[in-house]
Amino acid sequence: MKSYIVTKDADVLAPDWLTVRINYKSIKYIYEFKDGHAVLKGVRIGSEIAEIGDEILFDGKRLSVERR
């Protein structure tokens, strides 16, 4: 089981097992705009959103979110 704790720079430093699964439909990065620039809010996996500080788990087949 692999895990990753979402940080504010997850879109740049995410592990390979997560970045290869970003398909911009069911799994994507969620941004919000503050003072004219985009800030990462979290990662959307299906209908769940892993916010900063939450943990994303990968068991070899599925991604899941564990709240802090």
PDB file of N, CA and C in Angstrom:
ATOM      1  N   MET A   1       0.862  -1.172   0.000  1.00  0.00           N
ATOM      2  CA  MET A   1       0.000   0.000   0.000  1.00  0.00           C
ATOM      3  C   MET A   1       0.902   1.226   0.000  1.00  0.00           C
ATOM      4  N   LYS A   2       0.672   2.098  -0.953  1.00  0.00           N
ATOM      5  CA  LYS A   2       1.418   3.343  -1.048  1.00  0.00           C
ATOM      6  C   LYS A   2       0.527   4.472  -0.542  1.00  0.00           C
ATOM      7  N   SER A   3       1.159   5.485   0.036  1.00  0.00           N
ATOM      8  CA  SER A   3       0.382   6.613   0.533  1.00  0.00           C
ATOM      9  C   SER A   3       1.108   7.915   0.226  1.00  0.00           C
ATOM     10  N   TYR A   4       0.322   8.988   0.159  1.00  0.00           N
ATOM     11  CA  TYR A   4       0.859  10.318  -0.098  1.00  0.00           C
ATOM     12  C   TYR A   4      -0.004  11.323   0.633  1.00  0.00           C
ATOM     13  N   ILE A   5       0.607  12.203   1.399  1.00  0.00           N
ATOM     14  CA  ILE A   5      -0.107  13.273   2.087  1.00  0.00           C
ATOM     15  C   ILE A   5      -0.105  14.494   1.178  1.00  0.00           C
ATOM     16  N   VAL A   6      -1.274  14.995   0.873  1.00  0.00           N
ATOM     17  CA  VAL A   6      -1.431  16.116  -0.051  1.00  0.00           C
ATOM     18  C   VAL A   6      -0.842  17.380   0.570  1.00  0.00           C
ATOM     19  N   THR A   7       0.049  18.032  -0.175  1.00  0.00           N
ATOM     20  CA  THR A   7       0.660  19.277   0.256  1.00  0.00           C
ATOM     21  C   THR A   7       0.243  20.394  -0.688  1.00  0.00           C
ATOM     22  N   LYS A   8       0.617  21.622  -0.363  1.00  0.00           N
ATOM     23  CA  LYS A   8       0.210  22.750  -1.201  1.00  0.00           C
ATOM     24  C   LYS A   8       0.906  22.757  -2.553  1.00  0.00           C
ATOM     25  N   ASP A   9       1.963  21.965  -2.735  1.00  0.00           N
ATOM     26  CA  ASP A   9       2.637  21.868  -4.028  1.00  0.00           C
ATOM     27  C   ASP A   9       2.531  20.464  -4.613  1.00  0.00           C
ATOM     28  N   ALA A  10       1.420  19.798  -4.382  1.00  0.00           N
ATOM     29  CA  ALA A  10       1.202  18.428  -4.851  1.00  0.00           C
ATOM     30  C   ALA A  10       1.167  18.330  -6.365  1.00  0.00           C
ATOM     31  N   ASP A  11       0.756  19.383  -7.052  1.00  0.00           N
ATOM     32  CA  ASP A  11       0.714  19.334  -8.506  1.00  0.00           C
ATOM     33  C   ASP A  11       2.111  19.280  -9.121  1.00  0.00           C
ATOM     34  N   VAL A  12       3.134  19.645  -8.357  1.00  0.00           N
ATOM     35  CA  VAL A  12       4.520  19.620  -8.845  1.00  0.00           C
ATOM     36  C   VAL A  12       5.278  18.424  -8.276  1.00  0.00           C
ATOM     37  N   LEU A  13       5.057  18.087  -7.012  1.00  0.00           N
ATOM     38  CA  LEU A  13       5.863  17.079  -6.332  1.00  0.00           C
ATOM     39  C   LEU A  13       5.143  15.759  -6.062  1.00  0.00           C
ATOM     40  N   ALA A  14       4.024  15.501  -6.697  1.00  0.00           N
ATOM     41  CA  ALA A  14       3.284  14.267  -6.464  1.00  0.00           C
ATOM     42  C   ALA A  14       4.086  13.063  -6.964  1.00  0.00           C
ATOM     43  N   PRO A  15       3.921  11.904  -6.329  1.00  0.00           N
ATOM     44  CA  PRO A  15       4.646  10.707  -6.780  1.00  0.00           C
ATOM     45  C   PRO A  15       4.137  10.220  -8.136  1.00  0.00           C
ATOM     46  N   ASP A  16       4.948   9.412  -8.798  1.00  0.00           N
ATOM     47  CA  ASP A  16       4.613   8.935 -10.145  1.00  0.00           C
ATOM     48  C   ASP A  16       3.323   8.132 -10.186  1.00  0.00           C
ATOM     49  N   TRP A  17       3.052   7.314  -9.164  1.00  0.00           N
ATOM     50  CA  TRP A  17       1.850   6.488  -9.184  1.00  0.00           C
ATOM     51  C   TRP A  17       0.577   7.328  -9.142  1.00  0.00           C
ATOM     52  N   LEU A  18       0.670   8.556  -8.665  1.00  0.00           N
ATOM     53  CA  LEU A  18      -0.486   9.456  -8.667  1.00  0.00           C
ATOM     54  C   LEU A  18      -0.565  10.261  -9.963  1.00  0.00           C
ATOM     55  N   THR A  19       0.560  10.770 -10.433  1.00  0.00           N
ATOM     56  CA  THR A  19       0.537  11.624 -11.619  1.00  0.00           C
ATOM     57  C   THR A  19       0.134  10.875 -12.884  1.00  0.00           C
ATOM     58  N   VAL A  20       0.448   9.588 -12.999  1.00  0.00           N
ATOM     59  CA  VAL A  20       0.053   8.839 -14.195  1.00  0.00           C
ATOM     60  C   VAL A  20      -1.446   8.569 -14.227  1.00  0.00           C
ATOM     61  N   ARG A  21      -2.122   8.722 -13.090  1.00  0.00           N
ATOM     62  CA  ARG A  21      -3.565   8.480 -13.038  1.00  0.00           C
ATOM     63  C   ARG A  21      -4.417   9.738 -13.168  1.00  0.00           C
ATOM     64  N   ILE A  22      -3.777  10.903 -13.242  1.00  0.00           N
ATOM     65  CA  ILE A  22      -4.517  12.148 -13.433  1.00  0.00           C
ATOM     66  C   ILE A  22      -5.066  12.148 -14.857  1.00  0.00           C
ATOM     67  N   ASN A  23      -6.382  12.078 -14.993  1.00  0.00           N
ATOM     68  CA  ASN A  23      -6.997  12.047 -16.322  1.00  0.00           C
ATOM     69  C   ASN A  23      -7.931  13.230 -16.555  1.00  0.00           C
ATOM     70  N   TYR A  24      -8.007  14.158 -15.612  1.00  0.00           N
ATOM     71  CA  TYR A  24      -8.770  15.402 -15.714  1.00  0.00           C
ATOM     72  C   TYR A  24     -10.270  15.200 -15.863  1.00  0.00           C
ATOM     73  N   LYS A  25     -10.782  13.991 -15.594  1.00  0.00           N
ATOM     74  CA  LYS A  25     -12.221  13.775 -15.526  1.00  0.00           C
ATOM     75  C   LYS A  25     -12.599  13.279 -14.140  1.00  0.00           C
ATOM     76  N   SER A  26     -12.152  12.098 -13.774  1.00  0.00           N
ATOM     77  CA  SER A  26     -12.493  11.573 -12.451  1.00  0.00           C
ATOM     78  C   SER A  26     -11.414  11.861 -11.421  1.00  0.00           C
ATOM     79  N   ILE A  27     -10.167  12.050 -11.864  1.00  0.00           N
ATOM     80  CA  ILE A  27      -9.073  12.383 -10.956  1.00  0.00           C
ATOM     81  C   ILE A  27      -8.395  13.637 -11.484  1.00  0.00           C
ATOM     82  N   LYS A  28      -8.430  14.717 -10.692  1.00  0.00           N
ATOM     83  CA  LYS A  28      -7.822  15.962 -11.151  1.00  0.00           C
ATOM     84  C   LYS A  28      -7.487  16.861  -9.972  1.00  0.00           C
ATOM     85  N   TYR A  29      -6.676  17.867 -10.251  1.00  0.00           N
ATOM     86  CA  TYR A  29      -6.313  18.864  -9.256  1.00  0.00           C
ATOM     87  C   TYR A  29      -7.385  19.943  -9.215  1.00  0.00           C
ATOM     88  N   ILE A  30      -7.731  20.404  -8.016  1.00  0.00           N
ATOM     89  CA  ILE A  30      -8.722  21.458  -7.826  1.00  0.00           C
ATOM     90  C   ILE A  30      -7.990  22.718  -7.354  1.00  0.00           C
ATOM     91  N   TYR A  31      -8.197  23.813  -8.075  1.00  0.00           N
ATOM     92  CA  TYR A  31      -7.557  25.082  -7.745  1.00  0.00           C
ATOM     93  C   TYR A  31      -8.609  26.103  -7.336  1.00  0.00           C
ATOM     94  N   GLU A  32      -8.176  27.071  -6.526  1.00  0.00           N
ATOM     95  CA  GLU A  32      -8.994  28.240  -6.235  1.00  0.00           C
ATOM     96  C   GLU A  32      -8.133  29.469  -6.509  1.00  0.00           C
ATOM     97  N   PHE A  33      -8.773  30.543  -6.869  1.00  0.00           N
ATOM     98  CA  PHE A  33      -8.045  31.762  -7.199  1.00  0.00           C
ATOM     99  C   PHE A  33      -8.080  32.729  -6.031  1.00  0.00           C
ATOM    100  N   LYS A  34      -6.890  33.123  -5.579  1.00  0.00           N
ATOM    101  CA  LYS A  34      -6.751  34.091  -4.491  1.00  0.00           C
ATOM    102  C   LYS A  34      -5.865  35.223  -4.975  1.00  0.00           C
ATOM    103  N   ASP A  35      -6.390  36.424  -4.931  1.00  0.00           N
ATOM    104  CA  ASP A  35      -5.640  37.622  -5.306  1.00  0.00           C
ATOM    105  C   ASP A  35      -4.998  37.510  -6.683  1.00  0.00           C
ATOM    106  N   GLY A  36      -5.685  36.882  -7.619  1.00  0.00           N
ATOM    107  CA  GLY A  36      -5.217  36.851  -8.996  1.00  0.00           C
ATOM    108  C   GLY A  36      -4.319  35.686  -9.370  1.00  0.00           C
ATOM    109  N   HIS A  37      -4.032  34.769  -8.455  1.00  0.00           N
ATOM    110  CA  HIS A  37      -3.233  33.614  -8.831  1.00  0.00           C
ATOM    111  C   HIS A  37      -3.869  32.331  -8.288  1.00  0.00           C
ATOM    112  N   ALA A  38      -3.565  31.214  -8.945  1.00  0.00           N
ATOM    113  CA  ALA A  38      -4.175  29.939  -8.596  1.00  0.00           C
ATOM    114  C   ALA A  38      -3.428  29.282  -7.439  1.00  0.00           C
ATOM    115  N   VAL A  39      -4.199  28.765  -6.480  1.00  0.00           N
ATOM    116  CA  VAL A  39      -3.656  28.056  -5.329  1.00  0.00           C
ATOM    117  C   VAL A  39      -4.310  26.678  -5.298  1.00  0.00           C
ATOM    118  N   LEU A  40      -3.518  25.628  -5.101  1.00  0.00           N
ATOM    119  CA  LEU A  40      -4.049  24.279  -5.056  1.00  0.00           C
ATOM    120  C   LEU A  40      -4.938  24.100  -3.833  1.00  0.00           C
ATOM    121  N   LYS A  41      -6.157  23.624  -4.062  1.00  0.00           N
ATOM    122  CA  LYS A  41      -7.103  23.385  -2.973  1.00  0.00           C
ATOM    123  C   LYS A  41      -7.101  21.912  -2.569  1.00  0.00           C
ATOM    124  N   GLY A  42      -6.902  21.014  -3.538  1.00  0.00           N
ATOM    125  CA  GLY A  42      -6.881  19.592  -3.245  1.00  0.00           C
ATOM    126  C   GLY A  42      -6.879  18.762  -4.511  1.00  0.00           C
ATOM    127  N   VAL A  43      -7.066  17.459  -4.328  1.00  0.00           N
ATOM    128  CA  VAL A  43      -7.109  16.507  -5.436  1.00  0.00           C
ATOM    129  C   VAL A  43      -8.467  15.821  -5.398  1.00  0.00           C
ATOM    130  N   ARG A  44      -9.156  15.841  -6.524  1.00  0.00           N
ATOM    131  CA  ARG A  44     -10.471  15.202  -6.599  1.00  0.00           C
ATOM    132  C   ARG A  44     -10.302  13.787  -7.132  1.00  0.00           C
ATOM    133  N   ILE A  45     -10.807  12.813  -6.388  1.00  0.00           N
ATOM    134  CA  ILE A  45     -10.768  11.408  -6.786  1.00  0.00           C
ATOM    135  C   ILE A  45     -12.195  10.902  -6.774  1.00  0.00           C
ATOM    136  N   GLY A  46     -12.770  10.745  -7.948  1.00  0.00           N
ATOM    137  CA  GLY A  46     -14.174  10.360  -8.040  1.00  0.00           C
ATOM    138  C   GLY A  46     -15.048  11.464  -7.501  1.00  0.00           C
ATOM    139  N   SER A  47     -15.786  11.184  -6.440  1.00  0.00           N
ATOM    140  CA  SER A  47     -16.651  12.199  -5.844  1.00  0.00           C
ATOM    141  C   SER A  47     -16.058  12.780  -4.561  1.00  0.00           C
ATOM    142  N   GLU A  48     -14.883  12.301  -4.145  1.00  0.00           N
ATOM    143  CA  GLU A  48     -14.237  12.786  -2.933  1.00  0.00           C
ATOM    144  C   GLU A  48     -13.143  13.792  -3.268  1.00  0.00           C
ATOM    145  N   ILE A  49     -12.916  14.718  -2.374  1.00  0.00           N
ATOM    146  CA  ILE A  49     -11.829  15.684  -2.544  1.00  0.00           C
ATOM    147  C   ILE A  49     -10.858  15.515  -1.386  1.00  0.00           C
ATOM    148  N   ALA A  50      -9.598  15.228  -1.728  1.00  0.00           N
ATOM    149  CA  ALA A  50      -8.531  15.150  -0.731  1.00  0.00           C
ATOM    150  C   ALA A  50      -7.945  16.547  -0.598  1.00  0.00           C
ATOM    151  N   GLU A  51      -8.235  17.200   0.512  1.00  0.00           N
ATOM    152  CA  GLU A  51      -7.730  18.547   0.740  1.00  0.00           C
ATOM    153  C   GLU A  51      -6.297  18.476   1.252  1.00  0.00           C
ATOM    154  N   ILE A  52      -5.668  19.621   1.392  1.00  0.00           N
ATOM    155  CA  ILE A  52      -4.294  19.673   1.885  1.00  0.00           C
ATOM    156  C   ILE A  52      -4.253  19.098   3.296  1.00  0.00           C
ATOM    157  N   GLY A  53      -3.357  18.143   3.519  1.00  0.00           N
ATOM    158  CA  GLY A  53      -3.239  17.463   4.797  1.00  0.00           C
ATOM    159  C   GLY A  53      -3.884  16.093   4.815  1.00  0.00           C
ATOM    160  N   ASP A  54      -4.779  15.808   3.867  1.00  0.00           N
ATOM    161  CA  ASP A  54      -5.396  14.485   3.771  1.00  0.00           C
ATOM    162  C   ASP A  54      -4.417  13.515   3.114  1.00  0.00           C
ATOM    163  N   GLU A  55      -4.688  12.231   3.273  1.00  0.00           N
ATOM    164  CA  GLU A  55      -3.799  11.199   2.741  1.00  0.00           C
ATOM    165  C   GLU A  55      -4.492  10.456   1.607  1.00  0.00           C
ATOM    166  N   ILE A  56      -3.761  10.245   0.516  1.00  0.00           N
ATOM    167  CA  ILE A  56      -4.254   9.466  -0.609  1.00  0.00           C
ATOM    168  C   ILE A  56      -3.579   8.105  -0.542  1.00  0.00           C
ATOM    169  N   LEU A  57      -4.377   7.035  -0.570  1.00  0.00           N
ATOM    170  CA  LEU A  57      -3.861   5.673  -0.488  1.00  0.00           C
ATOM    171  C   LEU A  57      -4.049   4.972  -1.827  1.00  0.00           C
ATOM    172  N   PHE A  58      -3.057   4.153  -2.213  1.00  0.00           N
ATOM    173  CA  PHE A  58      -3.113   3.386  -3.454  1.00  0.00           C
ATOM    174  C   PHE A  58      -2.760   1.943  -3.132  1.00  0.00           C
ATOM    175  N   ASP A  59      -3.694   1.017  -3.400  1.00  0.00           N
ATOM    176  CA  ASP A  59      -3.472  -0.388  -3.067  1.00  0.00           C
ATOM    177  C   ASP A  59      -3.056  -1.233  -4.265  1.00  0.00           C
ATOM    178  N   GLY A  60      -2.714  -0.608  -5.373  1.00  0.00           N
ATOM    179  CA  GLY A  60      -2.338  -1.330  -6.572  1.00  0.00           C
ATOM    180  C   GLY A  60      -3.428  -1.307  -7.628  1.00  0.00           C
ATOM    181  N   LYS A  61      -4.677  -1.073  -7.212  1.00  0.00           N
ATOM    182  CA  LYS A  61      -5.802  -1.012  -8.134  1.00  0.00           C
ATOM    183  C   LYS A  61      -6.598   0.264  -7.990  1.00  0.00           C
ATOM    184  N   ARG A  62      -6.828   0.693  -6.762  1.00  0.00           N
ATOM    185  CA  ARG A  62      -7.716   1.832  -6.523  1.00  0.00           C
ATOM    186  C   ARG A  62      -7.051   2.906  -5.673  1.00  0.00           C
ATOM    187  N   LEU A  63      -7.509   4.126  -5.875  1.00  0.00           N
ATOM    188  CA  LEU A  63      -7.105   5.259  -5.049  1.00  0.00           C
ATOM    189  C   LEU A  63      -8.223   5.538  -4.054  1.00  0.00           C
ATOM    190  N   SER A  64      -7.865   5.870  -2.826  1.00  0.00           N
ATOM    191  CA  SER A  64      -8.863   6.230  -1.833  1.00  0.00           C
ATOM    192  C   SER A  64      -8.323   7.399  -1.004  1.00  0.00           C
ATOM    193  N   VAL A  65      -9.236   8.072  -0.308  1.00  0.00           N
ATOM    194  CA  VAL A  65      -8.890   9.251   0.481  1.00  0.00           C
ATOM    195  C   VAL A  65      -9.119   8.949   1.945  1.00  0.00           C
ATOM    196  N   GLU A  66      -8.137   9.304   2.766  1.00  0.00           N
ATOM    197  CA  GLU A  66      -8.262   9.179   4.217  1.00  0.00           C
ATOM    198  C   GLU A  66      -8.152  10.575   4.813  1.00  0.00           C
ATOM    199  N   ARG A  67      -9.156  10.976   5.538  1.00  0.00           N
ATOM    200  CA  ARG A  67      -9.185  12.311   6.133  1.00  0.00           C
ATOM    201  C   ARG A  67      -8.182  12.431   7.252  1.00  0.00           C
ATOM    202  N   ARG A  68      -7.729  13.662   7.505  1.00  0.00           N
ATOM    203  CA  ARG A  68      -6.752  13.880   8.567  1.00  0.00           C
ATOM    204  C   ARG A  68      -7.334  13.687   9.922  1.00  0.00           C
TER     205      ARG A  68
END
